Amino acid sequence: MPHEALVDEIRRFNRFYTGLVGLLDETLMQSPYTLIEARVLFELGRRPRIAGGGAGFLARMFHLDLAPVASELASELLLAPGYLMRILRKFTAMGLAEMRTGPENGLPVLSLTSRGKAALADLEGATNRDLVRLLAKLEDKEAMELSDALSRVTRLLETART
């Protein structure tokens, strides 16, 4: 199969899947968060981020201590650092994330608050319920076929990426 045809096929699948699970809706799973905000919430829940040390009062007041976190996470998620900085500021203002002193080295760490962890759990629960509903009509054999296909796609694209 020529690569151009494969590109078209992947794009067609992406359009199908994003429509199927509602990823193009303004907010994700009828939550107050966009897809990108939900992803950032997930990433912060998965691994708190070291912000670096030495931020003074004014840096903290204007959230400039978030800049190193925004830069690192933006690179991982392929987002503009300024855009990610606005999301992080929003999360801290909403009480979803906060800077804390790291237990190991005393450096400031950005992590989810208990409110942020609850918001993440709500999002993950809604996503899981929606996927369970989507998959409910599949027979066991079809579910195994889908699982195998997803594993194979992941493996092939991981190999192609390296």
N, C-alpha and C. Protein backbone atom coordinates (compact mmCIF):
# COMPACT_ATOMS: atom_id res chain seq x y z
N MET A 1 0.85 -1.18 0.00
CA MET A 1 0.00 0.00 0.00
C MET A 1 0.90 1.24 0.00
N PRO A 2 0.67 2.15 -0.91
CA PRO A 2 1.47 3.39 -0.92
C PRO A 2 1.23 4.19 0.36
N HIS A 3 2.27 4.88 0.81
CA HIS A 3 2.18 5.63 2.06
C HIS A 3 1.10 6.71 2.00
N GLU A 4 0.88 7.31 0.84
CA GLU A 4 -0.16 8.36 0.73
C GLU A 4 -1.54 7.78 1.04
N ALA A 5 -1.80 6.57 0.56
CA ALA A 5 -3.09 5.93 0.83
C ALA A 5 -3.21 5.60 2.32
N LEU A 6 -2.12 5.18 2.93
CA LEU A 6 -2.12 4.87 4.36
C LEU A 6 -2.37 6.14 5.18
N VAL A 7 -1.78 7.25 4.77
CA VAL A 7 -2.02 8.53 5.44
C VAL A 7 -3.50 8.86 5.38
N ASP A 8 -4.10 8.72 4.21
CA ASP A 8 -5.54 8.99 4.07
C ASP A 8 -6.36 8.07 4.98
N GLU A 9 -5.97 6.81 5.05
CA GLU A 9 -6.69 5.84 5.88
C GLU A 9 -6.58 6.19 7.38
N ILE A 10 -5.39 6.57 7.81
CA ILE A 10 -5.20 6.96 9.21
C ILE A 10 -6.00 8.20 9.53
N ARG A 11 -6.00 9.18 8.64
CA ARG A 11 -6.76 10.41 8.88
C ARG A 11 -8.26 10.11 8.92
N ARG A 12 -8.72 9.22 8.05
CA ARG A 12 -10.15 8.83 8.05
C ARG A 12 -10.51 8.18 9.38
N PHE A 13 -9.63 7.29 9.87
CA PHE A 13 -9.89 6.65 11.16
C PHE A 13 -9.89 7.69 12.28
N ASN A 14 -8.93 8.61 12.26
CA ASN A 14 -8.88 9.65 13.29
C ASN A 14 -10.16 10.46 13.33
N ARG A 15 -10.68 10.84 12.16
CA ARG A 15 -11.94 11.60 12.11
C ARG A 15 -13.08 10.76 12.67
N PHE A 16 -13.13 9.49 12.30
CA PHE A 16 -14.17 8.59 12.80
C PHE A 16 -14.10 8.48 14.32
N TYR A 17 -12.90 8.20 14.85
CA TYR A 17 -12.76 7.95 16.28
C TYR A 17 -13.00 9.22 17.10
N THR A 18 -12.46 10.34 16.66
CA THR A 18 -12.68 11.57 17.43
C THR A 18 -14.15 11.94 17.46
N GLY A 19 -14.87 11.69 16.38
CA GLY A 19 -16.31 11.93 16.37
C GLY A 19 -17.05 10.93 17.25
N LEU A 20 -16.62 9.68 17.21
CA LEU A 20 -17.26 8.61 17.98
C LEU A 20 -17.21 8.88 19.48
N VAL A 21 -16.06 9.30 19.96
CA VAL A 21 -15.92 9.50 21.41
C VAL A 21 -16.07 10.97 21.82
N GLY A 22 -16.39 11.84 20.87
CA GLY A 22 -16.68 13.24 21.21
C GLY A 22 -15.48 14.08 21.55
N LEU A 23 -14.32 13.77 20.97
CA LEU A 23 -13.12 14.53 21.29
C LEU A 23 -13.13 15.94 20.71
N LEU A 24 -13.99 16.18 19.74
CA LEU A 24 -14.03 17.52 19.14
C LEU A 24 -15.04 18.42 19.83
N ASP A 25 -15.77 17.89 20.80
CA ASP A 25 -16.69 18.73 21.55
C ASP A 25 -15.88 19.77 22.31
N GLU A 26 -16.52 20.88 22.64
CA GLU A 26 -15.80 21.95 23.33
C GLU A 26 -15.24 21.49 24.67
N THR A 27 -15.99 20.66 25.36
CA THR A 27 -15.49 20.10 26.62
C THR A 27 -15.56 18.58 26.53
N LEU A 28 -14.79 17.95 27.36
CA LEU A 28 -14.68 16.50 27.33
C LEU A 28 -15.64 15.86 28.32
N MET A 29 -16.41 14.91 27.86
CA MET A 29 -17.31 14.13 28.71
C MET A 29 -18.23 15.01 29.57
N GLN A 30 -18.77 16.04 28.99
CA GLN A 30 -19.66 16.97 29.69
C GLN A 30 -19.01 17.50 30.97
N SER A 31 -17.71 17.68 30.93
CA SER A 31 -16.98 18.22 32.07
C SER A 31 -16.63 19.67 31.77
N PRO A 32 -16.09 20.38 32.73
CA PRO A 32 -15.68 21.76 32.47
C PRO A 32 -14.32 21.86 31.76
N TYR A 33 -13.73 20.73 31.36
CA TYR A 33 -12.38 20.73 30.82
C TYR A 33 -12.37 20.39 29.33
N THR A 34 -11.48 21.06 28.61
CA THR A 34 -11.25 20.71 27.22
C THR A 34 -10.40 19.44 27.17
N LEU A 35 -10.25 18.87 26.00
CA LEU A 35 -9.42 17.68 25.85
C LEU A 35 -7.99 17.95 26.31
N ILE A 36 -7.44 19.08 25.93
CA ILE A 36 -6.06 19.39 26.31
C ILE A 36 -5.96 19.59 27.82
N GLU A 37 -6.93 20.29 28.42
CA GLU A 37 -6.91 20.46 29.86
C GLU A 37 -7.00 19.12 30.58
N ALA A 38 -7.84 18.23 30.07
CA ALA A 38 -7.96 16.89 30.67
C ALA A 38 -6.64 16.14 30.57
N ARG A 39 -5.96 16.29 29.45
CA ARG A 39 -4.67 15.61 29.28
C ARG A 39 -3.63 16.16 30.25
N VAL A 40 -3.63 17.47 30.45
CA VAL A 40 -2.69 18.08 31.40
C VAL A 40 -3.01 17.60 32.82
N LEU A 41 -4.29 17.54 33.15
CA LEU A 41 -4.71 17.04 34.46
C LEU A 41 -4.21 15.60 34.65
N PHE A 42 -4.37 14.78 33.62
CA PHE A 42 -3.90 13.40 33.66
C PHE A 42 -2.39 13.34 33.88
N GLU A 43 -1.65 14.15 33.14
CA GLU A 43 -0.19 14.13 33.25
C GLU A 43 0.28 14.55 34.64
N LEU A 44 -0.37 15.57 35.21
CA LEU A 44 -0.02 15.99 36.56
C LEU A 44 -0.39 14.93 37.59
N GLY A 45 -1.48 14.22 37.35
CA GLY A 45 -1.88 13.14 38.25
C GLY A 45 -0.95 11.95 38.16
N ARG A 46 -0.44 11.72 36.97
CA ARG A 46 0.46 10.59 36.75
C ARG A 46 1.83 10.83 37.38
N ARG A 47 2.31 12.08 37.26
CA ARG A 47 3.66 12.38 37.75
C ARG A 47 3.75 13.86 38.11
N PRO A 48 3.86 14.18 39.40
CA PRO A 48 4.08 15.59 39.77
C PRO A 48 5.34 16.12 39.10
N ARG A 49 5.40 17.42 38.88
CA ARG A 49 6.50 18.03 38.14
C ARG A 49 7.35 18.93 39.01
N ILE A 50 8.67 18.73 38.96
CA ILE A 50 9.59 19.57 39.71
C ILE A 50 9.67 20.92 39.01
N ALA A 51 9.49 21.99 39.78
CA ALA A 51 9.45 23.33 39.21
C ALA A 51 10.79 24.04 39.27
N GLY A 52 11.74 23.49 39.95
CA GLY A 52 13.00 24.21 40.12
C GLY A 52 12.96 25.02 41.39
N GLY A 53 14.06 25.52 41.80
CA GLY A 53 14.10 26.21 43.09
C GLY A 53 14.31 27.69 42.97
N GLY A 54 14.20 28.35 44.10
CA GLY A 54 14.57 29.74 44.20
C GLY A 54 13.54 30.76 43.75
N ALA A 55 12.31 30.37 43.51
CA ALA A 55 11.30 31.34 43.10
C ALA A 55 10.96 32.24 44.28
N GLY A 56 11.10 33.53 44.06
CA GLY A 56 10.79 34.49 45.11
C GLY A 56 9.31 34.81 45.16
N PHE A 57 8.98 35.75 46.05
CA PHE A 57 7.59 36.13 46.26
C PHE A 57 6.92 36.61 44.97
N LEU A 58 7.56 37.52 44.23
CA LEU A 58 6.95 38.04 43.00
C LEU A 58 6.78 36.95 41.94
N ALA A 59 7.76 36.07 41.84
CA ALA A 59 7.65 34.97 40.87
C ALA A 59 6.46 34.09 41.21
N ARG A 60 6.28 33.80 42.50
CA ARG A 60 5.13 32.99 42.90
C ARG A 60 3.84 33.74 42.70
N MET A 61 3.84 35.03 42.99
CA MET A 61 2.63 35.84 42.87
C MET A 61 2.11 35.87 41.42
N PHE A 62 3.05 35.93 40.48
CA PHE A 62 2.66 35.98 39.06
C PHE A 62 2.78 34.62 38.38
N HIS A 63 2.90 33.58 39.18
CA HIS A 63 2.98 32.20 38.69
C HIS A 63 4.17 31.96 37.76
N LEU A 64 5.22 32.75 37.90
CA LEU A 64 6.40 32.54 37.06
C LEU A 64 7.16 31.29 37.48
N ASP A 65 6.89 30.81 38.69
CA ASP A 65 7.53 29.58 39.15
C ASP A 65 6.99 28.37 38.39
N LEU A 66 5.91 28.56 37.65
CA LEU A 66 5.34 27.49 36.83
C LEU A 66 6.06 27.36 35.48
N ALA A 67 6.83 28.36 35.10
CA ALA A 67 7.45 28.38 33.77
C ALA A 67 8.30 27.14 33.47
N PRO A 68 9.17 26.70 34.39
CA PRO A 68 9.95 25.49 34.06
C PRO A 68 9.06 24.26 33.85
N VAL A 69 8.00 24.14 34.64
CA VAL A 69 7.06 23.02 34.49
C VAL A 69 6.37 23.13 33.14
N ALA A 70 5.92 24.34 32.81
CA ALA A 70 5.21 24.55 31.55
C ALA A 70 6.10 24.21 30.36
N SER A 71 7.34 24.60 30.44
CA SER A 71 8.28 24.34 29.35
C SER A 71 8.49 22.84 29.14
N GLU A 72 8.75 22.12 30.23
CA GLU A 72 8.99 20.67 30.15
C GLU A 72 7.75 19.92 29.66
N LEU A 73 6.60 20.22 30.28
CA LEU A 73 5.37 19.52 29.93
C LEU A 73 4.91 19.88 28.52
N ALA A 74 5.09 21.13 28.13
CA ALA A 74 4.72 21.56 26.77
C ALA A 74 5.52 20.79 25.74
N SER A 75 6.78 20.57 26.03
CA SER A 75 7.62 19.80 25.11
C SER A 75 7.12 18.36 24.99
N GLU A 76 6.77 17.75 26.11
CA GLU A 76 6.26 16.38 26.09
C GLU A 76 4.94 16.27 25.32
N LEU A 77 4.05 17.26 25.50
CA LEU A 77 2.71 17.20 24.90
C LEU A 77 2.64 17.91 23.55
N LEU A 78 3.76 18.46 23.11
CA LEU A 78 3.84 19.19 21.85
C LEU A 78 2.84 20.36 21.82
N LEU A 79 2.85 21.14 22.90
CA LEU A 79 2.00 22.33 23.03
C LEU A 79 2.88 23.56 23.18
N ALA A 80 2.32 24.71 22.86
CA ALA A 80 3.04 25.97 23.08
C ALA A 80 3.17 26.20 24.59
N PRO A 81 4.37 26.53 25.07
CA PRO A 81 4.55 26.74 26.51
C PRO A 81 3.62 27.81 27.09
N GLY A 82 3.38 28.89 26.35
CA GLY A 82 2.49 29.93 26.85
C GLY A 82 1.07 29.44 27.05
N TYR A 83 0.61 28.60 26.12
CA TYR A 83 -0.73 28.03 26.22
C TYR A 83 -0.82 27.11 27.44
N LEU A 84 0.19 26.29 27.62
CA LEU A 84 0.22 25.39 28.77
C LEU A 84 0.32 26.18 30.07
N MET A 85 1.06 27.27 30.05
CA MET A 85 1.18 28.12 31.23
C MET A 85 -0.20 28.65 31.64
N ARG A 86 -1.03 29.05 30.68
CA ARG A 86 -2.38 29.53 30.99
C ARG A 86 -3.21 28.42 31.63
N ILE A 87 -3.07 27.20 31.13
CA ILE A 87 -3.80 26.07 31.73
C ILE A 87 -3.34 25.83 33.16
N LEU A 88 -2.03 25.85 33.38
CA LEU A 88 -1.51 25.63 34.73
C LEU A 88 -1.95 26.74 35.69
N ARG A 89 -1.96 27.97 35.21
CA ARG A 89 -2.46 29.08 36.05
C ARG A 89 -3.93 28.87 36.38
N LYS A 90 -4.71 28.44 35.39
CA LYS A 90 -6.14 28.18 35.61
C LYS A 90 -6.31 27.09 36.67
N PHE A 91 -5.53 26.01 36.54
CA PHE A 91 -5.63 24.92 37.49
C PHE A 91 -5.26 25.36 38.91
N THR A 92 -4.22 26.18 39.05
CA THR A 92 -3.86 26.64 40.39
C THR A 92 -4.93 27.57 40.94
N ALA A 93 -5.50 28.42 40.08
CA ALA A 93 -6.56 29.33 40.53
C ALA A 93 -7.82 28.57 40.95
N MET A 94 -8.09 27.46 40.28
CA MET A 94 -9.27 26.65 40.59
C MET A 94 -9.03 25.71 41.78
N GLY A 95 -7.80 25.68 42.27
CA GLY A 95 -7.49 24.79 43.39
C GLY A 95 -7.29 23.35 42.97
N LEU A 96 -7.00 23.12 41.69
CA LEU A 96 -6.78 21.76 41.20
C LEU A 96 -5.32 21.33 41.32
N ALA A 97 -4.42 22.32 41.27
CA ALA A 97 -2.99 22.03 41.36
C ALA A 97 -2.34 23.08 42.25
N GLU A 98 -1.21 22.70 42.82
CA GLU A 98 -0.50 23.64 43.69
C GLU A 98 0.98 23.30 43.73
N MET A 99 1.76 24.30 44.10
CA MET A 99 3.19 24.10 44.31
C MET A 99 3.39 23.66 45.76
N ARG A 100 4.16 22.62 45.93
CA ARG A 100 4.50 22.12 47.27
C ARG A 100 6.00 21.90 47.33
N THR A 101 6.51 21.82 48.51
CA THR A 101 7.92 21.48 48.68
C THR A 101 8.05 19.98 48.50
N GLY A 102 8.95 19.58 47.62
CA GLY A 102 9.16 18.16 47.37
C GLY A 102 9.73 17.46 48.58
N PRO A 103 9.26 16.25 48.86
CA PRO A 103 9.71 15.53 50.05
C PRO A 103 11.16 15.06 49.98
N GLU A 104 11.67 14.81 48.78
CA GLU A 104 13.00 14.24 48.67
C GLU A 104 14.11 15.29 48.68
N ASN A 105 13.92 16.35 47.89
CA ASN A 105 15.02 17.30 47.73
C ASN A 105 14.66 18.73 48.13
N GLY A 106 13.45 18.95 48.58
CA GLY A 106 13.04 20.28 49.01
C GLY A 106 12.73 21.25 47.89
N LEU A 107 12.83 20.80 46.64
CA LEU A 107 12.50 21.67 45.50
C LEU A 107 10.99 21.78 45.34
N PRO A 108 10.52 22.91 44.82
CA PRO A 108 9.08 23.05 44.58
C PRO A 108 8.60 22.05 43.54
N VAL A 109 7.45 21.46 43.79
CA VAL A 109 6.85 20.47 42.89
C VAL A 109 5.41 20.88 42.62
N LEU A 110 5.03 20.84 41.35
CA LEU A 110 3.64 21.09 40.99
C LEU A 110 2.92 19.76 40.97
N SER A 111 1.86 19.67 41.76
CA SER A 111 1.10 18.42 41.81
C SER A 111 -0.37 18.73 42.00
N LEU A 112 -1.19 17.72 41.80
CA LEU A 112 -2.63 17.90 41.98
C LEU A 112 -2.97 17.99 43.46
N THR A 113 -3.93 18.81 43.76
CA THR A 113 -4.49 18.87 45.11
C THR A 113 -5.49 17.74 45.25
N SER A 114 -6.07 17.58 46.42
CA SER A 114 -7.11 16.56 46.57
C SER A 114 -8.29 16.89 45.65
N ARG A 115 -8.58 18.16 45.47
CA ARG A 115 -9.65 18.57 44.54
C ARG A 115 -9.29 18.20 43.10
N GLY A 116 -8.02 18.39 42.74
CA GLY A 116 -7.56 18.02 41.40
C GLY A 116 -7.61 16.51 41.18
N LYS A 117 -7.24 15.76 42.21
CA LYS A 117 -7.30 14.29 42.11
C LYS A 117 -8.75 13.82 41.96
N ALA A 118 -9.67 14.48 42.65
CA ALA A 118 -11.09 14.13 42.52
C ALA A 118 -11.60 14.47 41.13
N ALA A 119 -11.18 15.62 40.58
CA ALA A 119 -11.59 15.99 39.23
C ALA A 119 -11.07 14.99 38.21
N LEU A 120 -9.82 14.57 38.39
CA LEU A 120 -9.24 13.57 37.50
C LEU A 120 -9.98 12.24 37.61
N ALA A 121 -10.30 11.82 38.82
CA ALA A 121 -11.04 10.57 39.02
C ALA A 121 -12.41 10.64 38.35
N ASP A 122 -13.08 11.79 38.45
CA ASP A 122 -14.37 11.97 37.78
C ASP A 122 -14.24 11.84 36.27
N LEU A 123 -13.21 12.49 35.70
CA LEU A 123 -12.98 12.42 34.26
C LEU A 123 -12.69 10.99 33.81
N GLU A 124 -11.81 10.32 34.54
CA GLU A 124 -11.47 8.95 34.17
C GLU A 124 -12.67 8.02 34.30
N GLY A 125 -13.47 8.23 35.34
CA GLY A 125 -14.68 7.42 35.52
C GLY A 125 -15.66 7.63 34.37
N ALA A 126 -15.87 8.88 33.97
CA ALA A 126 -16.79 9.17 32.86
C ALA A 126 -16.27 8.57 31.56
N THR A 127 -14.97 8.69 31.33
CA THR A 127 -14.37 8.12 30.12
C THR A 127 -14.53 6.61 30.11
N ASN A 128 -14.24 5.97 31.23
CA ASN A 128 -14.37 4.52 31.30
C ASN A 128 -15.82 4.07 31.08
N ARG A 129 -16.79 4.78 31.68
CA ARG A 129 -18.20 4.43 31.48
C ARG A 129 -18.59 4.56 30.01
N ASP A 130 -18.14 5.63 29.36
CA ASP A 130 -18.46 5.82 27.94
C ASP A 130 -17.85 4.72 27.07
N LEU A 131 -16.63 4.33 27.37
CA LEU A 131 -15.98 3.27 26.59
C LEU A 131 -16.64 1.92 26.85
N VAL A 132 -17.03 1.65 28.08
CA VAL A 132 -17.74 0.40 28.39
C VAL A 132 -19.05 0.33 27.60
N ARG A 133 -19.78 1.46 27.56
CA ARG A 133 -21.02 1.49 26.76
C ARG A 133 -20.74 1.26 25.28
N LEU A 134 -19.68 1.85 24.79
CA LEU A 134 -19.31 1.70 23.38
C LEU A 134 -18.98 0.25 23.05
N LEU A 135 -18.30 -0.43 23.96
CA LEU A 135 -17.84 -1.79 23.71
C LEU A 135 -18.86 -2.86 24.10
N ALA A 136 -19.93 -2.49 24.75
CA ALA A 136 -20.89 -3.45 25.29
C ALA A 136 -21.49 -4.37 24.22
N LYS A 137 -21.63 -3.89 23.01
CA LYS A 137 -22.27 -4.69 21.96
C LYS A 137 -21.30 -5.64 21.27
N LEU A 138 -20.03 -5.57 21.61
CA LEU A 138 -19.06 -6.47 20.99
C LEU A 138 -19.11 -7.84 21.65
N GLU A 139 -19.09 -8.87 20.83
CA GLU A 139 -18.95 -10.24 21.34
C GLU A 139 -17.51 -10.40 21.86
N ASP A 140 -17.28 -11.45 22.66
CA ASP A 140 -15.94 -11.67 23.21
C ASP A 140 -14.89 -11.79 22.12
N LYS A 141 -15.23 -12.50 21.06
CA LYS A 141 -14.28 -12.68 19.95
C LYS A 141 -13.96 -11.33 19.30
N GLU A 142 -14.97 -10.48 19.13
CA GLU A 142 -14.75 -9.16 18.53
C GLU A 142 -13.91 -8.27 19.45
N ALA A 143 -14.16 -8.37 20.75
CA ALA A 143 -13.38 -7.61 21.72
C ALA A 143 -11.91 -8.01 21.66
N MET A 144 -11.64 -9.31 21.54
CA MET A 144 -10.26 -9.79 21.41
C MET A 144 -9.64 -9.30 20.11
N GLU A 145 -10.41 -9.32 19.02
CA GLU A 145 -9.90 -8.80 17.75
C GLU A 145 -9.52 -7.34 17.87
N LEU A 146 -10.38 -6.56 18.51
CA LEU A 146 -10.10 -5.13 18.70
C LEU A 146 -8.86 -4.95 19.56
N SER A 147 -8.75 -5.68 20.64
CA SER A 147 -7.58 -5.60 21.51
C SER A 147 -6.30 -5.93 20.74
N ASP A 148 -6.34 -7.00 19.96
CA ASP A 148 -5.17 -7.39 19.17
C ASP A 148 -4.82 -6.31 18.15
N ALA A 149 -5.85 -5.75 17.49
CA ALA A 149 -5.62 -4.71 16.49
C ALA A 149 -5.00 -3.46 17.13
N LEU A 150 -5.50 -3.06 18.30
CA LEU A 150 -4.95 -1.89 18.99
C LEU A 150 -3.50 -2.14 19.40
N SER A 151 -3.21 -3.32 19.89
CA SER A 151 -1.84 -3.67 20.27
C SER A 151 -0.93 -3.65 19.06
N ARG A 152 -1.42 -4.17 17.97
CA ARG A 152 -0.60 -4.22 16.76
C ARG A 152 -0.34 -2.82 16.22
N VAL A 153 -1.35 -1.97 16.18
CA VAL A 153 -1.18 -0.59 15.71
C VAL A 153 -0.17 0.13 16.59
N THR A 154 -0.30 -0.04 17.89
CA THR A 154 0.64 0.61 18.81
C THR A 154 2.06 0.15 18.55
N ARG A 155 2.23 -1.15 18.42
CA ARG A 155 3.56 -1.70 18.18
C ARG A 155 4.15 -1.20 16.87
N LEU A 156 3.35 -1.21 15.81
CA LEU A 156 3.84 -0.76 14.50
C LEU A 156 4.22 0.72 14.51
N LEU A 157 3.40 1.53 15.14
CA LEU A 157 3.70 2.97 15.15
C LEU A 157 4.86 3.28 16.08
N GLU A 158 5.00 2.54 17.17
CA GLU A 158 6.17 2.72 18.05
C GLU A 158 7.44 2.38 17.30
N THR A 159 7.41 1.29 16.53
CA THR A 159 8.58 0.88 15.74
C THR A 159 8.90 1.93 14.70
N ALA A 160 7.89 2.48 14.04
CA ALA A 160 8.09 3.48 13.01
C ALA A 160 8.65 4.79 13.60
N ARG A 161 8.31 5.06 14.86
CA ARG A 161 8.73 6.32 15.49
C ARG A 161 10.21 6.31 15.84
N THR A 162 10.78 5.13 16.09
CA THR A 162 12.19 5.07 16.52
C THR A 162 13.13 5.00 15.36
